[in-house]
N, C-alpha and C. Protein backbone atom coordinates (compact mmCIF):
# COMPACT_ATOMS: atom_id res chain seq x y z
N MET A 1 -35.66 55.56 -19.52
CA MET A 1 -35.64 54.21 -19.00
C MET A 1 -35.32 53.20 -20.10
N ASP A 2 -35.80 53.44 -21.30
CA ASP A 2 -35.50 52.54 -22.40
C ASP A 2 -34.01 52.48 -22.65
N ARG A 3 -33.35 53.61 -22.47
CA ARG A 3 -31.91 53.68 -22.70
C ARG A 3 -31.17 52.78 -21.71
N CYS A 4 -31.64 52.68 -20.48
CA CYS A 4 -31.01 51.81 -19.48
C CYS A 4 -31.05 50.35 -19.91
N LEU A 5 -32.16 49.94 -20.48
CA LEU A 5 -32.27 48.56 -20.93
C LEU A 5 -31.33 48.27 -22.10
N GLU A 6 -31.11 49.27 -22.94
CA GLU A 6 -30.21 49.08 -24.07
C GLU A 6 -28.77 48.86 -23.61
N LEU A 7 -28.38 49.50 -22.50
CA LEU A 7 -27.02 49.40 -22.00
C LEU A 7 -26.78 48.13 -21.19
N SER A 8 -27.84 47.51 -20.78
CA SER A 8 -27.73 46.33 -19.95
C SER A 8 -27.16 45.16 -20.76
N THR A 9 -26.26 44.42 -20.14
CA THR A 9 -25.71 43.23 -20.79
C THR A 9 -26.16 41.98 -20.02
N PHE A 10 -27.40 41.99 -19.67
CA PHE A 10 -27.96 40.88 -18.91
C PHE A 10 -28.03 39.64 -19.79
N ARG A 11 -27.39 38.57 -19.32
CA ARG A 11 -27.42 37.30 -20.04
C ARG A 11 -27.69 36.19 -19.05
N ILE A 12 -28.43 35.23 -19.50
CA ILE A 12 -28.67 34.06 -18.67
C ILE A 12 -27.49 33.12 -18.90
N PRO A 13 -26.81 32.74 -17.81
CA PRO A 13 -25.65 31.86 -18.00
C PRO A 13 -26.09 30.48 -18.50
N ARG A 14 -25.30 29.95 -19.39
CA ARG A 14 -25.57 28.62 -19.93
C ARG A 14 -25.16 27.59 -18.88
N PRO A 15 -26.02 26.65 -18.56
CA PRO A 15 -25.63 25.64 -17.58
C PRO A 15 -24.48 24.78 -18.12
N HIS A 16 -23.59 24.39 -17.22
CA HIS A 16 -22.47 23.55 -17.64
C HIS A 16 -22.97 22.15 -17.96
N VAL A 17 -22.57 21.66 -19.06
CA VAL A 17 -22.96 20.32 -19.49
C VAL A 17 -21.71 19.44 -19.41
N TYR A 18 -21.82 18.36 -18.65
CA TYR A 18 -20.69 17.46 -18.47
C TYR A 18 -20.60 16.46 -19.62
N THR A 19 -19.39 16.17 -20.01
CA THR A 19 -19.17 15.13 -21.01
C THR A 19 -19.28 13.78 -20.32
N PRO A 20 -19.48 12.71 -21.08
CA PRO A 20 -19.53 11.39 -20.43
C PRO A 20 -18.26 11.06 -19.65
N LEU A 21 -17.11 11.49 -20.14
CA LEU A 21 -15.85 11.25 -19.42
C LEU A 21 -15.84 12.00 -18.09
N GLU A 22 -16.27 13.27 -18.11
CA GLU A 22 -16.34 14.04 -16.86
C GLU A 22 -17.30 13.40 -15.86
N LEU A 23 -18.43 12.92 -16.35
CA LEU A 23 -19.40 12.26 -15.47
C LEU A 23 -18.80 10.99 -14.86
N ALA A 24 -18.08 10.22 -15.65
CA ALA A 24 -17.44 9.01 -15.14
C ALA A 24 -16.38 9.35 -14.11
N MET A 25 -15.61 10.40 -14.33
CA MET A 25 -14.59 10.81 -13.37
C MET A 25 -15.22 11.29 -12.07
N LEU A 26 -16.30 12.06 -12.16
CA LEU A 26 -17.00 12.52 -10.96
C LEU A 26 -17.56 11.34 -10.17
N GLU A 27 -18.11 10.36 -10.85
CA GLU A 27 -18.64 9.17 -10.20
C GLU A 27 -17.53 8.37 -9.52
N GLN A 28 -16.38 8.26 -10.19
CA GLN A 28 -15.24 7.56 -9.61
C GLN A 28 -14.75 8.27 -8.35
N GLU A 29 -14.66 9.58 -8.38
CA GLU A 29 -14.25 10.35 -7.20
C GLU A 29 -15.23 10.15 -6.05
N ARG A 30 -16.53 10.15 -6.37
CA ARG A 30 -17.54 9.94 -5.35
C ARG A 30 -17.40 8.56 -4.70
N LYS A 31 -17.16 7.53 -5.53
CA LYS A 31 -16.99 6.18 -5.01
C LYS A 31 -15.74 6.07 -4.14
N GLU A 32 -14.65 6.72 -4.54
CA GLU A 32 -13.42 6.69 -3.75
C GLU A 32 -13.61 7.36 -2.40
N GLU A 33 -14.29 8.49 -2.39
CA GLU A 33 -14.55 9.19 -1.11
C GLU A 33 -15.43 8.34 -0.20
N GLN A 34 -16.43 7.68 -0.78
CA GLN A 34 -17.30 6.79 0.00
C GLN A 34 -16.49 5.63 0.57
N ARG A 35 -15.58 5.08 -0.24
CA ARG A 35 -14.73 3.97 0.19
C ARG A 35 -13.83 4.37 1.35
N LYS A 36 -13.24 5.59 1.25
CA LYS A 36 -12.37 6.09 2.32
C LYS A 36 -13.18 6.34 3.60
N LEU A 37 -14.40 6.83 3.45
CA LEU A 37 -15.25 7.06 4.63
C LEU A 37 -15.56 5.74 5.32
N GLN A 38 -15.88 4.71 4.56
CA GLN A 38 -16.12 3.38 5.13
C GLN A 38 -14.87 2.88 5.85
N GLY A 39 -13.71 3.10 5.25
CA GLY A 39 -12.44 2.70 5.85
C GLY A 39 -12.18 3.41 7.16
N ARG A 40 -12.48 4.71 7.22
CA ARG A 40 -12.26 5.46 8.46
C ARG A 40 -13.19 4.97 9.58
N LEU A 41 -14.38 4.54 9.22
CA LEU A 41 -15.29 3.99 10.22
C LEU A 41 -14.73 2.69 10.80
N LYS A 42 -14.04 1.90 9.97
CA LYS A 42 -13.46 0.64 10.40
C LYS A 42 -12.15 0.81 11.15
N TYR A 43 -11.25 1.63 10.56
CA TYR A 43 -9.87 1.69 11.03
C TYR A 43 -9.53 2.94 11.83
N GLY A 44 -10.46 3.86 11.95
CA GLY A 44 -10.18 5.08 12.68
C GLY A 44 -9.78 6.22 11.76
N ASP A 45 -9.51 7.35 12.35
CA ASP A 45 -9.21 8.55 11.58
C ASP A 45 -7.74 8.56 11.17
N ILE A 46 -7.42 7.78 10.15
CA ILE A 46 -6.06 7.72 9.62
C ILE A 46 -6.12 8.08 8.14
N PRO A 47 -5.03 8.54 7.57
CA PRO A 47 -5.06 8.87 6.14
C PRO A 47 -5.18 7.59 5.30
N LEU A 48 -6.18 7.57 4.44
CA LEU A 48 -6.42 6.40 3.59
C LEU A 48 -6.38 6.80 2.13
N SER A 49 -5.98 5.87 1.30
CA SER A 49 -5.98 6.06 -0.15
C SER A 49 -6.56 4.81 -0.80
N VAL A 50 -7.23 5.02 -1.91
CA VAL A 50 -7.71 3.91 -2.73
C VAL A 50 -6.79 3.84 -3.94
N VAL A 51 -6.19 2.67 -4.15
CA VAL A 51 -5.27 2.48 -5.26
C VAL A 51 -5.84 1.39 -6.15
N TYR A 52 -5.87 1.66 -7.45
CA TYR A 52 -6.35 0.68 -8.42
C TYR A 52 -5.16 0.12 -9.18
N ILE A 53 -5.10 -1.19 -9.27
CA ILE A 53 -4.06 -1.85 -10.06
C ILE A 53 -4.76 -2.56 -11.21
N TYR A 54 -4.47 -2.10 -12.41
CA TYR A 54 -5.07 -2.67 -13.62
C TYR A 54 -4.20 -3.80 -14.14
N ARG A 55 -4.83 -4.84 -14.67
CA ARG A 55 -4.10 -5.97 -15.21
C ARG A 55 -3.62 -5.61 -16.62
N CYS A 56 -2.57 -4.80 -16.67
CA CYS A 56 -2.02 -4.34 -17.95
C CYS A 56 -0.74 -5.08 -18.31
N LYS A 57 -0.20 -5.84 -17.40
CA LYS A 57 1.01 -6.65 -17.61
C LYS A 57 0.73 -8.05 -17.06
N PRO A 58 1.51 -9.05 -17.47
CA PRO A 58 1.24 -10.41 -17.00
C PRO A 58 1.55 -10.63 -15.51
N THR A 59 2.41 -9.79 -14.93
CA THR A 59 2.74 -9.97 -13.51
C THR A 59 2.29 -8.76 -12.70
N LEU A 60 2.06 -9.00 -11.42
CA LEU A 60 1.67 -7.92 -10.51
C LEU A 60 2.87 -7.05 -10.17
N GLY A 61 3.98 -7.67 -9.80
CA GLY A 61 5.20 -6.93 -9.52
C GLY A 61 5.22 -6.24 -8.17
N VAL A 62 4.72 -6.92 -7.14
CA VAL A 62 4.70 -6.36 -5.79
C VAL A 62 5.23 -7.41 -4.83
N ALA A 63 6.06 -6.97 -3.88
CA ALA A 63 6.49 -7.84 -2.79
C ALA A 63 6.02 -7.20 -1.49
N ILE A 64 5.48 -8.03 -0.60
CA ILE A 64 5.00 -7.54 0.69
C ILE A 64 5.73 -8.25 1.82
N GLU A 65 5.71 -7.62 2.97
CA GLU A 65 6.19 -8.25 4.20
C GLU A 65 5.08 -8.10 5.22
N GLY A 66 5.14 -8.93 6.22
CA GLY A 66 4.21 -8.80 7.33
C GLY A 66 2.96 -9.65 7.19
N GLY A 67 2.25 -9.71 8.27
CA GLY A 67 1.04 -10.49 8.40
C GLY A 67 0.84 -10.80 9.87
N ALA A 68 -0.28 -11.35 10.22
CA ALA A 68 -0.62 -11.58 11.62
C ALA A 68 0.40 -12.45 12.34
N ASN A 69 1.10 -13.32 11.64
CA ASN A 69 2.03 -14.24 12.27
C ASN A 69 3.48 -13.73 12.24
N THR A 70 3.66 -12.43 12.06
CA THR A 70 5.01 -11.85 11.99
C THR A 70 5.13 -10.67 12.95
N ARG A 71 6.35 -10.11 13.03
CA ARG A 71 6.55 -8.92 13.87
C ARG A 71 5.85 -7.71 13.29
N GLN A 72 5.62 -7.71 12.01
CA GLN A 72 4.88 -6.65 11.31
C GLN A 72 3.48 -7.19 11.05
N PRO A 73 2.49 -6.90 11.94
CA PRO A 73 1.19 -7.58 11.85
C PRO A 73 0.31 -7.18 10.68
N LEU A 74 0.69 -6.15 9.94
CA LEU A 74 -0.09 -5.74 8.78
C LEU A 74 0.79 -5.82 7.53
N PRO A 75 0.23 -6.28 6.41
CA PRO A 75 1.04 -6.40 5.19
C PRO A 75 1.47 -5.03 4.67
N ARG A 76 2.76 -4.92 4.39
CA ARG A 76 3.32 -3.65 3.92
C ARG A 76 4.09 -3.90 2.62
N VAL A 77 3.96 -2.99 1.68
CA VAL A 77 4.64 -3.10 0.39
C VAL A 77 6.12 -2.79 0.58
N VAL A 78 6.98 -3.73 0.17
CA VAL A 78 8.42 -3.51 0.27
C VAL A 78 9.07 -3.30 -1.10
N THR A 79 8.42 -3.74 -2.17
CA THR A 79 8.95 -3.55 -3.52
C THR A 79 7.81 -3.39 -4.51
N VAL A 80 7.96 -2.41 -5.40
CA VAL A 80 7.09 -2.29 -6.57
C VAL A 80 8.02 -2.36 -7.76
N GLN A 81 7.98 -3.47 -8.48
CA GLN A 81 8.94 -3.75 -9.53
C GLN A 81 8.56 -3.07 -10.85
N PRO A 82 9.51 -2.35 -11.46
CA PRO A 82 9.24 -1.78 -12.78
C PRO A 82 8.88 -2.88 -13.77
N GLY A 83 7.90 -2.60 -14.59
CA GLY A 83 7.46 -3.59 -15.58
C GLY A 83 6.26 -4.40 -15.12
N GLY A 84 5.90 -4.32 -13.86
CA GLY A 84 4.72 -5.02 -13.36
C GLY A 84 3.48 -4.15 -13.44
N SER A 85 2.33 -4.75 -13.29
CA SER A 85 1.06 -4.01 -13.35
C SER A 85 0.96 -2.95 -12.27
N ALA A 86 1.46 -3.23 -11.07
CA ALA A 86 1.39 -2.25 -9.99
C ALA A 86 2.20 -0.99 -10.33
N TYR A 87 3.35 -1.19 -10.92
CA TYR A 87 4.20 -0.06 -11.31
C TYR A 87 3.54 0.74 -12.43
N GLU A 88 3.04 0.03 -13.43
CA GLU A 88 2.41 0.69 -14.59
C GLU A 88 1.13 1.42 -14.21
N SER A 89 0.38 0.88 -13.25
CA SER A 89 -0.87 1.51 -12.83
C SER A 89 -0.63 2.76 -11.99
N GLY A 90 0.52 2.80 -11.30
CA GLY A 90 0.83 3.95 -10.46
C GLY A 90 0.01 3.93 -9.18
N GLY A 91 0.38 4.77 -8.25
CA GLY A 91 -0.39 4.89 -7.01
C GLY A 91 0.14 4.08 -5.85
N LEU A 92 0.53 2.84 -6.08
CA LEU A 92 1.04 2.00 -5.00
C LEU A 92 2.51 2.31 -4.77
N LYS A 93 2.86 2.55 -3.51
CA LYS A 93 4.22 2.95 -3.18
C LYS A 93 4.82 2.04 -2.12
N VAL A 94 6.15 1.94 -2.14
CA VAL A 94 6.85 1.21 -1.10
C VAL A 94 6.51 1.85 0.24
N GLY A 95 6.15 1.02 1.21
CA GLY A 95 5.78 1.52 2.53
C GLY A 95 4.28 1.57 2.76
N HIS A 96 3.48 1.50 1.71
CA HIS A 96 2.03 1.46 1.90
C HIS A 96 1.64 0.21 2.68
N VAL A 97 0.75 0.39 3.62
CA VAL A 97 0.18 -0.73 4.37
C VAL A 97 -1.15 -1.07 3.72
N ILE A 98 -1.31 -2.33 3.34
CA ILE A 98 -2.52 -2.78 2.64
C ILE A 98 -3.54 -3.23 3.68
N LEU A 99 -4.62 -2.48 3.81
CA LEU A 99 -5.66 -2.81 4.77
C LEU A 99 -6.74 -3.69 4.16
N GLU A 100 -7.05 -3.46 2.88
CA GLU A 100 -8.09 -4.25 2.21
C GLU A 100 -7.74 -4.45 0.74
N VAL A 101 -8.19 -5.57 0.21
CA VAL A 101 -8.07 -5.88 -1.21
C VAL A 101 -9.48 -6.21 -1.70
N ASN A 102 -9.99 -5.42 -2.63
CA ASN A 102 -11.36 -5.60 -3.14
C ASN A 102 -12.37 -5.74 -2.00
N ASN A 103 -12.29 -4.85 -1.03
CA ASN A 103 -13.19 -4.77 0.13
C ASN A 103 -13.06 -5.94 1.10
N VAL A 104 -12.01 -6.74 0.99
CA VAL A 104 -11.77 -7.83 1.93
C VAL A 104 -10.58 -7.43 2.79
N SER A 105 -10.77 -7.44 4.09
CA SER A 105 -9.73 -7.00 5.02
C SER A 105 -8.55 -7.97 5.05
N THR A 106 -7.35 -7.40 5.20
CA THR A 106 -6.15 -8.20 5.37
C THR A 106 -5.73 -8.25 6.84
N VAL A 107 -6.43 -7.50 7.68
CA VAL A 107 -6.11 -7.45 9.11
C VAL A 107 -6.39 -8.81 9.75
N GLY A 108 -5.42 -9.30 10.50
CA GLY A 108 -5.59 -10.56 11.20
C GLY A 108 -5.23 -11.79 10.37
N LYS A 109 -4.81 -11.61 9.14
CA LYS A 109 -4.45 -12.73 8.28
C LYS A 109 -2.93 -12.88 8.25
N GLY A 110 -2.47 -14.13 8.15
CA GLY A 110 -1.05 -14.42 8.10
C GLY A 110 -0.43 -13.99 6.78
N HIS A 111 0.89 -13.91 6.76
CA HIS A 111 1.60 -13.44 5.57
C HIS A 111 1.29 -14.29 4.34
N THR A 112 1.37 -15.59 4.46
CA THR A 112 1.13 -16.48 3.32
C THR A 112 -0.30 -16.32 2.80
N GLU A 113 -1.24 -16.23 3.73
CA GLU A 113 -2.64 -16.08 3.34
C GLU A 113 -2.87 -14.78 2.58
N VAL A 114 -2.28 -13.68 3.06
CA VAL A 114 -2.44 -12.38 2.39
C VAL A 114 -1.78 -12.39 1.02
N ALA A 115 -0.56 -12.91 0.94
CA ALA A 115 0.16 -12.95 -0.34
C ALA A 115 -0.60 -13.79 -1.36
N LYS A 116 -1.11 -14.92 -0.93
CA LYS A 116 -1.87 -15.79 -1.82
C LYS A 116 -3.16 -15.11 -2.28
N PHE A 117 -3.84 -14.44 -1.34
CA PHE A 117 -5.09 -13.75 -1.67
C PHE A 117 -4.85 -12.63 -2.69
N ILE A 118 -3.80 -11.85 -2.49
CA ILE A 118 -3.48 -10.76 -3.43
C ILE A 118 -3.17 -11.33 -4.81
N ALA A 119 -2.38 -12.40 -4.87
CA ALA A 119 -2.02 -13.02 -6.15
C ALA A 119 -3.26 -13.57 -6.86
N GLU A 120 -4.14 -14.23 -6.12
CA GLU A 120 -5.35 -14.80 -6.73
C GLU A 120 -6.29 -13.71 -7.20
N THR A 121 -6.39 -12.64 -6.45
CA THR A 121 -7.25 -11.53 -6.85
C THR A 121 -6.73 -10.90 -8.13
N PHE A 122 -5.42 -10.75 -8.24
CA PHE A 122 -4.84 -10.18 -9.45
C PHE A 122 -5.09 -11.08 -10.66
N LYS A 123 -5.04 -12.39 -10.48
CA LYS A 123 -5.20 -13.32 -11.59
C LYS A 123 -6.66 -13.55 -11.99
N ASP A 124 -7.61 -13.05 -11.19
CA ASP A 124 -9.03 -13.23 -11.48
C ASP A 124 -9.38 -12.57 -12.81
N LYS A 125 -9.70 -13.36 -13.81
CA LYS A 125 -9.95 -12.87 -15.17
C LYS A 125 -11.28 -12.12 -15.29
N GLU A 126 -12.14 -12.24 -14.31
CA GLU A 126 -13.44 -11.58 -14.39
C GLU A 126 -13.37 -10.10 -14.05
N GLN A 127 -12.25 -9.66 -13.48
CA GLN A 127 -12.08 -8.26 -13.14
C GLN A 127 -10.84 -7.72 -13.85
N ASP A 128 -10.95 -6.50 -14.36
CA ASP A 128 -9.81 -5.92 -15.06
C ASP A 128 -8.91 -5.11 -14.12
N ARG A 129 -9.33 -4.97 -12.88
CA ARG A 129 -8.51 -4.23 -11.92
C ARG A 129 -8.74 -4.76 -10.51
N MET A 130 -7.82 -4.36 -9.65
CA MET A 130 -7.86 -4.73 -8.25
C MET A 130 -7.89 -3.44 -7.44
N GLU A 131 -8.71 -3.38 -6.40
CA GLU A 131 -8.80 -2.17 -5.58
C GLU A 131 -8.15 -2.43 -4.22
N LEU A 132 -7.20 -1.56 -3.86
CA LEU A 132 -6.53 -1.67 -2.57
C LEU A 132 -6.85 -0.45 -1.72
N LEU A 133 -7.18 -0.69 -0.46
CA LEU A 133 -7.32 0.39 0.51
C LEU A 133 -6.02 0.40 1.30
N VAL A 134 -5.26 1.48 1.21
CA VAL A 134 -3.94 1.54 1.83
C VAL A 134 -3.83 2.76 2.73
N THR A 135 -2.82 2.71 3.61
CA THR A 135 -2.46 3.85 4.44
C THR A 135 -0.95 3.96 4.47
N GLU A 136 -0.47 5.06 4.98
CA GLU A 136 0.97 5.28 5.10
C GLU A 136 1.50 4.41 6.23
N SER A 137 2.80 4.19 6.24
CA SER A 137 3.37 3.35 7.30
C SER A 137 4.21 4.18 8.26
N SER A 138 3.72 5.35 8.63
CA SER A 138 4.45 6.17 9.60
C SER A 138 4.38 5.51 10.98
N ASP A 139 5.32 5.86 11.83
CA ASP A 139 5.38 5.26 13.18
C ASP A 139 4.08 5.48 13.94
N ASP A 140 3.53 6.70 13.88
CA ASP A 140 2.29 7.01 14.61
C ASP A 140 1.12 6.15 14.14
N ILE A 141 0.97 6.03 12.83
CA ILE A 141 -0.14 5.25 12.28
C ILE A 141 0.02 3.78 12.62
N MET A 142 1.23 3.26 12.49
CA MET A 142 1.47 1.85 12.79
C MET A 142 1.23 1.56 14.27
N GLU A 143 1.67 2.44 15.16
CA GLU A 143 1.42 2.25 16.59
C GLU A 143 -0.08 2.24 16.88
N TYR A 144 -0.81 3.17 16.26
CA TYR A 144 -2.26 3.24 16.45
C TYR A 144 -2.92 1.96 15.98
N LEU A 145 -2.59 1.51 14.77
CA LEU A 145 -3.22 0.31 14.22
C LEU A 145 -2.87 -0.93 15.04
N GLN A 146 -1.60 -1.06 15.43
CA GLN A 146 -1.19 -2.23 16.20
C GLN A 146 -1.84 -2.25 17.58
N ALA A 147 -2.00 -1.09 18.19
CA ALA A 147 -2.63 -1.01 19.50
C ALA A 147 -4.11 -1.35 19.42
N ASN A 148 -4.72 -1.09 18.27
CA ASN A 148 -6.16 -1.29 18.14
C ASN A 148 -6.56 -2.46 17.27
N LEU A 149 -5.61 -3.32 16.91
CA LEU A 149 -5.93 -4.44 16.02
C LEU A 149 -7.07 -5.30 16.55
N LYS A 150 -7.06 -5.59 17.82
CA LYS A 150 -8.10 -6.48 18.38
C LYS A 150 -9.45 -5.79 18.45
N GLU A 151 -9.42 -4.45 18.56
CA GLU A 151 -10.67 -3.71 18.71
C GLU A 151 -11.25 -3.25 17.39
N LEU A 152 -10.45 -3.34 16.32
CA LEU A 152 -10.96 -2.87 15.02
C LEU A 152 -12.17 -3.69 14.61
N ASN A 153 -13.17 -2.99 14.13
CA ASN A 153 -14.40 -3.64 13.69
C ASN A 153 -14.19 -4.18 12.28
N VAL A 154 -13.45 -5.29 12.17
CA VAL A 154 -13.11 -5.86 10.87
C VAL A 154 -13.63 -7.28 10.81
N THR A 155 -14.36 -7.56 9.74
CA THR A 155 -14.82 -8.94 9.53
C THR A 155 -13.85 -9.65 8.64
N LYS A 156 -13.54 -10.89 8.98
CA LYS A 156 -12.57 -11.66 8.19
C LYS A 156 -13.24 -12.34 7.04
């Protein structure tokens, strides 16, 4: 029996220790998933993404179309200009529909109001980044959102 113990390679596994960077990344992922879950409760079961735009350049570099007073009732990204903060930060793409900016809904707001709000949020010196909740602009998603705009549980 003693010989059996000698042959055994029983080892207690060392618990994984996370670095501070890994812990920060895990926390960020958790917050993004929570944000998407909140978005799905508001807007329905549609694909959502959280995009962060860091103030790394003097300009935002985004052009949008649409708003409550247009044929396109939700603001949609039409241009992401190279050299702007949105381009440098990555993540934001032409065609993304912007549902929220820093947890404030853009649904039901006119084009000028949304554009002004996005610009002011970007220029806010107290924050180093801007958080956008976006979705794709496929025909199915747009039809769903437009059909349910009045029923969406969104506070202005």
